[in-house]
Amino acid sequence: YDIVVGRKLVLGVVDTLPCGAWKFLATPPEVTANTSCTNLLGIKIGDLNGPYFAPPPTDRSPLSLVADNRLLQRGQTTVVNLNAAEAITLSGLQLAFQFDPAKLRINRIESAVLPNFGLDCYNLHGAVQGIAPLVWLDGRSWPIPAASPLFTLEITALQDGNLAELLTLAPTHLTPEIYSQEGTARQITIDWNTHASPPDPAIIIAPNPANHAFSVLLERENTASVLLQLIDLQGKIVLSQQFSTVPGLNRLDVRADIQPAGLYFLQLDGTPGGKVLLADRP
């Protein structure tokens, strides 16, 4: 209970502790005298000085979350993967994203590798101030493979700009750290990759994001059959459709009645063809 209350306080869901700073328990619970406990055990709750978990720091270098930098156009909605630069094992983390709410909007945050990660792990209600805090905690150690997307953000650009300048961490608001089960802490940084390969111009996915129906435009030199597949973040094939193509420009109309909404990878005959974001139906 104290962890849940503390997390809500860190995320800004609540501003004050609902039950005061102390609670008292009878010790042992069944011992009473004249309707009063003979012995009371006082427990301090919600004492948040410094990091939420407050373990000792480690001398290891910071963990880099690698993301592809790009130029964004006003009104553009896109998906940003923050990939772990190395294999890690963690049992908790905290950080806060910082951005100008007049230039950028964070629509949602997802994680395919952190168990039980959901809406209660981050708070976008305070995003009007340009801060989106995030806290995740699990009592077990979870191995995260290298290059795995620790977080996937869906964002919308409200003005033209460079992504690396529009989205940063806010260490003064919440120290960005990961925590091990042994109780050590390691800082987190974002490493923007400015040499990302551009998408294949011969393949266009539109609309993207899509409400479970989209089209793939591609050029082919010969008449052939092509296998289109959608793969989720766990690597599972969730959709397979066969199409016939002709020389020249082809349009493949895809109906993806799959759940949940989120990011999926598109493959054509086993070759990566891009990413598509399936949004919830209106």
C-alpha atoms as a PDB file:
ATOM      1  CA  TYR A   1       0.000   0.000   0.000  1.00  0.00           C
ATOM      2  CA  ASP A   2       2.774   2.447   0.952  1.00  0.00           C
ATOM      3  CA  ILE A   3       4.504   1.831  -2.403  1.00  0.00           C
ATOM      4  CA  VAL A   4       1.276   2.545  -4.284  1.00  0.00           C
ATOM      5  CA  VAL A   5       0.659   5.758  -2.307  1.00  0.00           C
ATOM      6  CA  GLY A   6       4.259   6.832  -2.757  1.00  0.00           C
ATOM      7  CA  ARG A   7       4.154   6.227  -6.495  1.00  0.00           C
ATOM      8  CA  LYS A   8       0.972   8.299  -6.847  1.00  0.00           C
ATOM      9  CA  LEU A   9       2.649  11.127  -4.941  1.00  0.00           C
ATOM     10  CA  VAL A  10       5.750  10.991  -7.160  1.00  0.00           C
ATOM     11  CA  LEU A  11       3.697  10.949 -10.357  1.00  0.00           C
ATOM     12  CA  GLY A  12       1.602  13.888  -9.210  1.00  0.00           C
ATOM     13  CA  VAL A  13      -1.644  11.907  -9.177  1.00  0.00           C
ATOM     14  CA  VAL A  14      -2.141  13.080  -5.578  1.00  0.00           C
ATOM     15  CA  ASP A  15      -0.662  16.134  -3.866  1.00  0.00           C
ATOM     16  CA  THR A  16      -0.951  14.967  -0.245  1.00  0.00           C
ATOM     17  CA  LEU A  17      -0.870  11.667   1.574  1.00  0.00           C
ATOM     18  CA  PRO A  18      -4.429  10.435   2.176  1.00  0.00           C
ATOM     19  CA  CYS A  19      -3.789   9.136   5.712  1.00  0.00           C
ATOM     20  CA  GLY A  20      -1.204  11.454   7.196  1.00  0.00           C
ATOM     21  CA  ALA A  21       2.523  10.957   7.608  1.00  0.00           C
ATOM     22  CA  TRP A  22       2.285   8.264  10.331  1.00  0.00           C
ATOM     23  CA  LYS A  23       0.229   5.201  11.059  1.00  0.00           C
ATOM     24  CA  PHE A  24       0.220   3.152  14.252  1.00  0.00           C
ATOM     25  CA  LEU A  25      -0.210  -0.588  14.734  1.00  0.00           C
ATOM     26  CA  ALA A  26      -0.841  -2.501  17.933  1.00  0.00           C
ATOM     27  CA  THR A  27       1.964  -4.919  18.810  1.00  0.00           C
ATOM     28  CA  PRO A  28       0.870  -7.624  19.028  1.00  0.00           C
ATOM     29  CA  PRO A  29      -2.405  -6.740  17.282  1.00  0.00           C
ATOM     30  CA  GLU A  30      -4.635  -8.734  19.619  1.00  0.00           C
ATOM     31  CA  VAL A  31      -3.356  -7.141  22.848  1.00  0.00           C
ATOM     32  CA  THR A  32      -5.573  -4.329  24.165  1.00  0.00           C
ATOM     33  CA  ALA A  33      -6.340  -2.845  27.587  1.00  0.00           C
ATOM     34  CA  ASN A  34      -9.282  -0.572  28.406  1.00  0.00           C
ATOM     35  CA  THR A  35      -9.993  -0.287  24.645  1.00  0.00           C
ATOM     36  CA  SER A  36      -6.476   1.080  24.146  1.00  0.00           C
ATOM     37  CA  CYS A  37      -3.452  -0.749  22.742  1.00  0.00           C
ATOM     38  CA  THR A  38      -0.785  -1.487  25.321  1.00  0.00           C
ATOM     39  CA  ASN A  39       2.014  -1.134  22.757  1.00  0.00           C
ATOM     40  CA  LEU A  40       2.005   0.915  19.567  1.00  0.00           C
ATOM     41  CA  LEU A  41       4.364   0.636  16.624  1.00  0.00           C
ATOM     42  CA  GLY A  42       4.707   3.897  14.688  1.00  0.00           C
ATOM     43  CA  ILE A  43       5.372   3.622  10.945  1.00  0.00           C
ATOM     44  CA  LYS A  44       6.492   6.636   8.911  1.00  0.00           C
ATOM     45  CA  ILE A  45       5.048   6.586   5.362  1.00  0.00           C
ATOM     46  CA  GLY A  46       5.608   8.652   2.248  1.00  0.00           C
ATOM     47  CA  ASP A  47       9.005   9.996   3.313  1.00  0.00           C
ATOM     48  CA  LEU A  48      10.248  11.055  -0.128  1.00  0.00           C
ATOM     49  CA  ASN A  49      13.635  12.702   0.158  1.00  0.00           C
ATOM     50  CA  GLY A  50      15.631  12.412  -3.047  1.00  0.00           C
ATOM     51  CA  PRO A  51      15.008   9.442  -5.377  1.00  0.00           C
ATOM     52  CA  TYR A  52      11.829   7.454  -4.931  1.00  0.00           C
ATOM     53  CA  PHE A  53      13.711   4.208  -4.245  1.00  0.00           C
ATOM     54  CA  ALA A  54      16.808   5.845  -2.677  1.00  0.00           C
ATOM     55  CA  PRO A  55      19.307   2.962  -3.090  1.00  0.00           C
ATOM     56  CA  PRO A  56      23.071   3.577  -3.076  1.00  0.00           C
ATOM     57  CA  PRO A  57      24.477   4.787  -6.422  1.00  0.00           C
ATOM     58  CA  THR A  58      26.690   2.599  -8.585  1.00  0.00           C
ATOM     59  CA  ASP A  59      29.975   3.608 -10.195  1.00  0.00           C
ATOM     60  CA  ARG A  60      28.896   2.142 -13.528  1.00  0.00           C
ATOM     61  CA  SER A  61      28.418   4.442 -16.510  1.00  0.00           C
ATOM     62  CA  PRO A  62      24.842   5.626 -17.223  1.00  0.00           C
ATOM     63  CA  LEU A  63      22.478   3.396 -19.160  1.00  0.00           C
ATOM     64  CA  SER A  64      21.842   4.885 -22.592  1.00  0.00           C
ATOM     65  CA  LEU A  65      18.394   4.729 -24.125  1.00  0.00           C
ATOM     66  CA  VAL A  66      19.035   4.995 -27.852  1.00  0.00           C
ATOM     67  CA  ALA A  67      16.452   6.727 -30.050  1.00  0.00           C
ATOM     68  CA  ASP A  68      16.392   7.821 -33.681  1.00  0.00           C
ATOM     69  CA  ASN A  69      16.464  11.586 -34.042  1.00  0.00           C
ATOM     70  CA  ARG A  70      14.353  13.100 -36.809  1.00  0.00           C
ATOM     71  CA  LEU A  71      12.763  16.293 -38.045  1.00  0.00           C
ATOM     72  CA  LEU A  72       9.085  16.584 -37.187  1.00  0.00           C
ATOM     73  CA  GLN A  73       6.471  18.562 -39.041  1.00  0.00           C
ATOM     74  CA  ARG A  74       3.598  20.334 -37.369  1.00  0.00           C
ATOM     75  CA  GLY A  75       0.641  17.980 -36.934  1.00  0.00           C
ATOM     76  CA  GLN A  76       2.767  14.852 -37.462  1.00  0.00           C
ATOM     77  CA  THR A  77       2.070  11.920 -35.139  1.00  0.00           C
ATOM     78  CA  THR A  78       4.869   9.402 -34.840  1.00  0.00           C
ATOM     79  CA  VAL A  79       6.253   6.655 -32.619  1.00  0.00           C
ATOM     80  CA  VAL A  80       9.572   6.904 -30.787  1.00  0.00           C
ATOM     81  CA  ASN A  81      11.336   3.811 -29.467  1.00  0.00           C
ATOM     82  CA  LEU A  82      13.783   4.239 -26.574  1.00  0.00           C
ATOM     83  CA  ASN A  83      15.995   1.160 -26.869  1.00  0.00           C
ATOM     84  CA  ALA A  84      18.324  -0.158 -24.173  1.00  0.00           C
ATOM     85  CA  ALA A  85      21.866   0.195 -25.500  1.00  0.00           C
ATOM     86  CA  GLU A  86      22.955  -2.954 -23.650  1.00  0.00           C
ATOM     87  CA  ALA A  87      21.518  -5.987 -21.905  1.00  0.00           C
ATOM     88  CA  ILE A  88      20.398  -5.087 -18.376  1.00  0.00           C
ATOM     89  CA  THR A  89      18.597  -6.587 -15.401  1.00  0.00           C
ATOM     90  CA  LEU A  90      16.373  -4.312 -13.354  1.00  0.00           C
ATOM     91  CA  SER A  91      13.602  -4.376 -10.781  1.00  0.00           C
ATOM     92  CA  GLY A  92      12.586  -0.713 -10.885  1.00  0.00           C
ATOM     93  CA  LEU A  93      13.135   2.635 -12.565  1.00  0.00           C
ATOM     94  CA  GLN A  94      12.066   6.255 -12.464  1.00  0.00           C
ATOM     95  CA  LEU A  95      12.424   9.206 -14.819  1.00  0.00           C
ATOM     96  CA  ALA A  96      10.549  12.229 -16.116  1.00  0.00           C
ATOM     97  CA  PHE A  97      10.249  13.422 -19.702  1.00  0.00           C
ATOM     98  CA  GLN A  98      10.480  17.161 -20.325  1.00  0.00           C
ATOM     99  CA  PHE A  99       9.099  19.007 -23.347  1.00  0.00           C
ATOM    100  CA  ASP A 100       7.457  22.245 -24.407  1.00  0.00           C
ATOM    101  CA  PRO A 101       3.689  21.567 -24.401  1.00  0.00           C
ATOM    102  CA  ALA A 102       3.274  24.265 -27.062  1.00  0.00           C
ATOM    103  CA  LYS A 103       5.534  22.287 -29.408  1.00  0.00           C
ATOM    104  CA  LEU A 104       4.987  18.620 -28.514  1.00  0.00           C
ATOM    105  CA  ARG A 105       2.300  16.365 -27.051  1.00  0.00           C
ATOM    106  CA  ILE A 106       2.856  12.905 -25.583  1.00  0.00           C
ATOM    107  CA  ASN A 107      -0.204  10.783 -26.350  1.00  0.00           C
ATOM    108  CA  ARG A 108       0.781   7.531 -24.674  1.00  0.00           C
ATOM    109  CA  ILE A 109       3.703   5.573 -23.259  1.00  0.00           C
ATOM    110  CA  GLU A 110       4.006   1.806 -23.641  1.00  0.00           C
ATOM    111  CA  SER A 111       6.509  -0.885 -22.715  1.00  0.00           C
ATOM    112  CA  ALA A 112       6.555  -4.389 -24.135  1.00  0.00           C
ATOM    113  CA  VAL A 113       9.374  -5.617 -21.879  1.00  0.00           C
ATOM    114  CA  LEU A 114       8.388  -4.295 -18.432  1.00  0.00           C
ATOM    115  CA  PRO A 115       5.727  -6.515 -16.814  1.00  0.00           C
ATOM    116  CA  ASN A 116       2.567  -4.832 -15.536  1.00  0.00           C
ATOM    117  CA  PHE A 117       3.528  -1.502 -17.101  1.00  0.00           C
ATOM    118  CA  GLY A 118       0.372   0.531 -17.637  1.00  0.00           C
ATOM    119  CA  LEU A 119      -1.379   3.837 -17.185  1.00  0.00           C
ATOM    120  CA  ASP A 120      -0.730   3.825 -13.438  1.00  0.00           C
ATOM    121  CA  CYS A 121       3.033   3.976 -14.091  1.00  0.00           C
ATOM    122  CA  TYR A 122       3.058   7.453 -15.653  1.00  0.00           C
ATOM    123  CA  ASN A 123       1.099  10.678 -15.463  1.00  0.00           C
ATOM    124  CA  LEU A 124       0.257  12.804 -18.497  1.00  0.00           C
ATOM    125  CA  HIS A 125      -2.162  15.035 -16.594  1.00  0.00           C
ATOM    126  CA  GLY A 126       0.720  17.305 -15.630  1.00  0.00           C
ATOM    127  CA  ALA A 127       1.913  17.540 -19.218  1.00  0.00           C
ATOM    128  CA  VAL A 128       0.517  21.073 -19.488  1.00  0.00           C
ATOM    129  CA  GLN A 129       3.622  22.051 -17.507  1.00  0.00           C
ATOM    130  CA  GLY A 130       5.812  20.031 -19.866  1.00  0.00           C
ATOM    131  CA  ILE A 131       6.656  17.249 -17.393  1.00  0.00           C
ATOM    132  CA  ALA A 132       5.624  13.590 -17.700  1.00  0.00           C
ATOM    133  CA  PRO A 133       6.909  11.571 -14.687  1.00  0.00           C
ATOM    134  CA  LEU A 134       7.216   7.788 -14.886  1.00  0.00           C
ATOM    135  CA  VAL A 135       7.789   5.196 -12.154  1.00  0.00           C
ATOM    136  CA  TRP A 136       7.862   1.399 -12.547  1.00  0.00           C
ATOM    137  CA  LEU A 137       8.590  -1.097  -9.763  1.00  0.00           C
ATOM    138  CA  ASP A 138       8.606  -4.875  -9.590  1.00  0.00           C
ATOM    139  CA  GLY A 139       9.943  -6.980  -6.748  1.00  0.00           C
ATOM    140  CA  ARG A 140      11.681  -9.373  -9.125  1.00  0.00           C
ATOM    141  CA  SER A 141      14.674  -8.977 -11.431  1.00  0.00           C
ATOM    142  CA  TRP A 142      13.786  -8.717 -15.110  1.00  0.00           C
ATOM    143  CA  PRO A 143      16.373  -9.255 -17.863  1.00  0.00           C
ATOM    144  CA  ILE A 144      16.087  -6.817 -20.770  1.00  0.00           C
ATOM    145  CA  PRO A 145      17.936  -7.801 -23.976  1.00  0.00           C
ATOM    146  CA  ALA A 146      20.159  -5.280 -25.718  1.00  0.00           C
ATOM    147  CA  ALA A 147      18.408  -3.116 -28.347  1.00  0.00           C
ATOM    148  CA  SER A 148      14.983  -3.886 -26.840  1.00  0.00           C
ATOM    149  CA  PRO A 149      12.551  -0.943 -26.766  1.00  0.00           C
ATOM    150  CA  LEU A 150      12.314  -0.151 -23.065  1.00  0.00           C
ATOM    151  CA  PHE A 151       9.668   2.456 -23.858  1.00  0.00           C
ATOM    152  CA  THR A 152       7.595   3.330 -26.907  1.00  0.00           C
ATOM    153  CA  LEU A 153       6.159   6.852 -27.021  1.00  0.00           C
ATOM    154  CA  GLU A 154       3.421   8.059 -29.323  1.00  0.00           C
ATOM    155  CA  ILE A 155       3.899  11.790 -29.809  1.00  0.00           C
ATOM    156  CA  THR A 156       2.372  14.588 -31.894  1.00  0.00           C
ATOM    157  CA  ALA A 157       4.383  17.571 -33.067  1.00  0.00           C
ATOM    158  CA  LEU A 158       2.512  20.846 -32.529  1.00  0.00           C
ATOM    159  CA  GLN A 159       5.284  22.820 -34.279  1.00  0.00           C
ATOM    160  CA  ASP A 160       8.095  21.969 -36.678  1.00  0.00           C
ATOM    161  CA  GLY A 161      11.234  20.957 -34.856  1.00  0.00           C
ATOM    162  CA  ASN A 162      14.044  18.530 -34.144  1.00  0.00           C
ATOM    163  CA  LEU A 163      12.949  15.615 -31.946  1.00  0.00           C
ATOM    164  CA  ALA A 164      16.147  15.652 -29.864  1.00  0.00           C
ATOM    165  CA  GLU A 165      15.442  19.276 -28.970  1.00  0.00           C
ATOM    166  CA  LEU A 166      11.725  18.755 -28.337  1.00  0.00           C
ATOM    167  CA  LEU A 167      12.009  15.780 -25.952  1.00  0.00           C
ATOM    168  CA  THR A 168      14.519  15.475 -23.096  1.00  0.00           C
ATOM    169  CA  LEU A 169      14.773  14.097 -19.570  1.00  0.00           C
ATOM    170  CA  ALA A 170      14.036  16.244 -16.508  1.00  0.00           C
ATOM    171  CA  PRO A 171      16.603  15.214 -13.860  1.00  0.00           C
ATOM    172  CA  THR A 172      15.745  18.137 -11.582  1.00  0.00           C
ATOM    173  CA  HIS A 173      12.137  16.922 -11.399  1.00  0.00           C
ATOM    174  CA  LEU A 174      12.857  13.198 -10.966  1.00  0.00           C
ATOM    175  CA  THR A 175      16.304  11.608 -11.027  1.00  0.00           C
ATOM    176  CA  PRO A 176      16.404   9.253 -14.055  1.00  0.00           C
ATOM    177  CA  GLU A 177      17.640   5.920 -12.653  1.00  0.00           C
ATOM    178  CA  ILE A 178      17.226   2.169 -12.923  1.00  0.00           C
ATOM    179  CA  TYR A 179      17.385  -0.060  -9.844  1.00  0.00           C
ATOM    180  CA  SER A 180      18.583  -3.598  -9.315  1.00  0.00           C
ATOM    181  CA  GLN A 181      17.173  -6.134  -6.894  1.00  0.00           C
ATOM    182  CA  GLU A 182      20.456  -5.866  -4.983  1.00  0.00           C
ATOM    183  CA  GLY A 183      19.637  -2.238  -4.260  1.00  0.00           C
ATOM    184  CA  THR A 184      22.030  -0.357  -6.544  1.00  0.00           C
ATOM    185  CA  ALA A 185      21.095   2.589  -8.745  1.00  0.00           C
ATOM    186  CA  ARG A 186      22.310   3.553 -12.196  1.00  0.00           C
ATOM    187  CA  GLN A 187      21.514   6.754 -14.040  1.00  0.00           C
ATOM    188  CA  ILE A 188      19.656   6.898 -17.368  1.00  0.00           C
ATOM    189  CA  THR A 189      20.459   9.094 -20.357  1.00  0.00           C
ATOM    190  CA  ILE A 190      18.970   9.423 -23.864  1.00  0.00           C
ATOM    191  CA  ASP A 191      21.412   8.989 -26.741  1.00  0.00           C
ATOM    192  CA  TRP A 192      19.921  10.407 -29.932  1.00  0.00           C
ATOM    193  CA  ASN A 193      20.978   8.555 -33.065  1.00  0.00           C
ATOM    194  CA  THR A 194      21.416  11.106 -35.844  1.00  0.00           C
ATOM    195  CA  HIS A 195      22.519   8.515 -38.410  1.00  0.00           C
ATOM    196  CA  ALA A 196      19.336   6.465 -38.589  1.00  0.00           C
ATOM    197  CA  SER A 197      18.528   4.920 -41.956  1.00  0.00           C
ATOM    198  CA  PRO A 198      15.621   6.651 -43.709  1.00  0.00           C
ATOM    199  CA  PRO A 199      12.525   4.590 -44.473  1.00  0.00           C
ATOM    200  CA  ASP A 200      12.343   2.844 -47.834  1.00  0.00           C
ATOM    201  CA  PRO A 201      10.831   5.451 -50.200  1.00  0.00           C
ATOM    202  CA  ALA A 202       9.390   2.671 -52.365  1.00  0.00           C
ATOM    203  CA  ILE A 203       6.998   1.613 -49.572  1.00  0.00           C
ATOM    204  CA  ILE A 204       4.368   3.982 -48.167  1.00  0.00           C
ATOM    205  CA  ILE A 205       1.949   3.130 -45.318  1.00  0.00           C
ATOM    206  CA  ALA A 206      -1.101   5.391 -45.092  1.00  0.00           C
ATOM    207  CA  PRO A 207      -2.847   6.459 -43.016  1.00  0.00           C
ATOM    208  CA  ASN A 208      -0.402   5.971 -40.168  1.00  0.00           C
ATOM    209  CA  PRO A 209      -1.595   5.942 -37.374  1.00  0.00           C
ATOM    210  CA  ALA A 210      -4.599   3.984 -38.593  1.00  0.00           C
ATOM    211  CA  ASN A 211      -7.898   2.849 -37.117  1.00  0.00           C
ATOM    212  CA  HIS A 212      -7.264  -0.793 -38.084  1.00  0.00           C
ATOM    213  CA  ALA A 213      -7.536  -0.107 -41.827  1.00  0.00           C
ATOM    214  CA  PHE A 214      -4.635   1.153 -43.901  1.00  0.00           C
ATOM    215  CA  SER A 215      -3.016   0.804 -47.307  1.00  0.00           C
ATOM    216  CA  VAL A 216       0.492  -0.113 -48.376  1.00  0.00           C
ATOM    217  CA  LEU A 217       1.750   1.465 -51.603  1.00  0.00           C
ATOM    218  CA  LEU A 218       4.712  -0.229 -53.246  1.00  0.00           C
ATOM    219  CA  GLU A 219       6.312  -0.665 -56.632  1.00  0.00           C
ATOM    220  CA  ARG A 220       7.066  -4.024 -58.209  1.00  0.00           C
ATOM    221  CA  GLU A 221       8.953  -4.893 -61.366  1.00  0.00           C
ATOM    222  CA  ASN A 222       7.122  -8.164 -62.081  1.00  0.00           C
ATOM    223  CA  THR A 223       3.823  -9.909 -61.476  1.00  0.00           C
ATOM    224  CA  ALA A 224       4.181 -11.753 -58.206  1.00  0.00           C
ATOM    225  CA  SER A 225       2.564 -12.802 -54.956  1.00  0.00           C
ATOM    226  CA  VAL A 226       3.574 -11.006 -51.754  1.00  0.00           C
ATOM    227  CA  LEU A 227       3.011 -12.073 -48.153  1.00  0.00           C
ATOM    228  CA  LEU A 228       2.192  -9.186 -45.826  1.00  0.00           C
ATOM    229  CA  GLN A 229       2.590  -9.751 -42.087  1.00  0.00           C
ATOM    230  CA  LEU A 230       2.151  -7.657 -38.948  1.00  0.00           C
ATOM    231  CA  ILE A 231       4.340  -8.481 -35.958  1.00  0.00           C
ATOM    232  CA  ASP A 232       3.795  -7.198 -32.426  1.00  0.00           C
ATOM    233  CA  LEU A 233       6.481  -5.941 -30.040  1.00  0.00           C
ATOM    234  CA  GLN A 234       6.955  -9.451 -28.635  1.00  0.00           C
ATOM    235  CA  GLY A 235       7.839 -10.777 -32.101  1.00  0.00           C
ATOM    236  CA  LYS A 236       4.546 -12.642 -32.576  1.00  0.00           C
ATOM    237  CA  ILE A 237       2.913 -12.670 -36.025  1.00  0.00           C
ATOM    238  CA  VAL A 238      -0.602 -11.349 -35.495  1.00  0.00           C
ATOM    239  CA  LEU A 239      -1.698 -10.934 -39.119  1.00  0.00           C
ATOM    240  CA  SER A 240      -0.802 -12.658 -42.411  1.00  0.00           C
ATOM    241  CA  GLN A 241      -2.359 -11.742 -45.747  1.00  0.00           C
ATOM    242  CA  GLN A 242      -1.425 -12.766 -49.282  1.00  0.00           C
ATOM    243  CA  PHE A 243      -1.624 -10.232 -52.112  1.00  0.00           C
ATOM    244  CA  SER A 244      -1.019 -10.340 -55.859  1.00  0.00           C
ATOM    245  CA  THR A 245       1.044  -7.554 -57.399  1.00  0.00           C
ATOM    246  CA  VAL A 246       1.600  -6.353 -60.951  1.00  0.00           C
ATOM    247  CA  PRO A 247       4.431  -4.378 -62.549  1.00  0.00           C
ATOM    248  CA  GLY A 248       4.344  -0.749 -61.419  1.00  0.00           C
ATOM    249  CA  LEU A 249       2.569   0.826 -58.472  1.00  0.00           C
ATOM    250  CA  ASN A 250       0.454  -1.463 -56.272  1.00  0.00           C
ATOM    251  CA  ARG A 251      -1.964  -0.683 -53.473  1.00  0.00           C
ATOM    252  CA  LEU A 252      -2.492  -3.318 -50.774  1.00  0.00           C
ATOM    253  CA  ASP A 253      -5.586  -2.576 -48.686  1.00  0.00           C
ATOM    254  CA  VAL A 254      -5.172  -4.082 -45.232  1.00  0.00           C
ATOM    255  CA  ARG A 255      -7.882  -4.669 -42.649  1.00  0.00           C
ATOM    256  CA  ALA A 256      -6.207  -5.341 -39.294  1.00  0.00           C
ATOM    257  CA  ASP A 257      -8.927  -6.293 -36.809  1.00  0.00           C
ATOM    258  CA  ILE A 258      -6.448  -7.056 -34.051  1.00  0.00           C
ATOM    259  CA  GLN A 259      -6.040  -5.996 -30.457  1.00  0.00           C
ATOM    260  CA  PRO A 260      -4.575  -4.265 -28.604  1.00  0.00           C
ATOM    261  CA  ALA A 261      -3.978  -0.888 -30.184  1.00  0.00           C
ATOM    262  CA  GLY A 262      -0.304  -0.043 -30.437  1.00  0.00           C
ATOM    263  CA  LEU A 263       2.815  -0.327 -32.555  1.00  0.00           C
ATOM    264  CA  TYR A 264       3.280  -3.166 -35.062  1.00  0.00           C
ATOM    265  CA  PHE A 265       6.046  -4.025 -37.513  1.00  0.00           C
ATOM    266  CA  LEU A 266       5.145  -4.662 -41.136  1.00  0.00           C
ATOM    267  CA  GLN A 267       6.953  -7.270 -43.219  1.00  0.00           C
ATOM    268  CA  LEU A 268       6.690  -8.058 -46.919  1.00  0.00           C
ATOM    269  CA  ASP A 269       7.914 -11.547 -47.784  1.00  0.00           C
ATOM    270  CA  GLY A 270       9.934 -11.521 -44.566  1.00  0.00           C
ATOM    271  CA  THR A 271      11.609  -8.190 -45.310  1.00  0.00           C
ATOM    272  CA  PRO A 272      10.987  -5.204 -42.980  1.00  0.00           C
ATOM    273  CA  GLY A 273       8.657  -2.724 -44.636  1.00  0.00           C
ATOM    274  CA  GLY A 274       8.089  -0.180 -41.862  1.00  0.00           C
ATOM    275  CA  LYS A 275       5.995   0.346 -38.764  1.00  0.00           C
ATOM    276  CA  VAL A 276       2.307   1.022 -38.359  1.00  0.00           C
ATOM    277  CA  LEU A 277       0.539   2.404 -35.312  1.00  0.00           C
ATOM    278  CA  LEU A 278      -2.956   1.011 -34.814  1.00  0.00           C
ATOM    279  CA  ALA A 279      -5.050   3.389 -32.751  1.00  0.00           C
ATOM    280  CA  ASP A 280      -8.211   2.670 -30.803  1.00  0.00           C
ATOM    281  CA  ARG A 281     -11.349   2.973 -32.858  1.00  0.00           C
ATOM    282  CA  PRO A 282     -13.189   6.252 -32.257  1.00  0.00           C
END
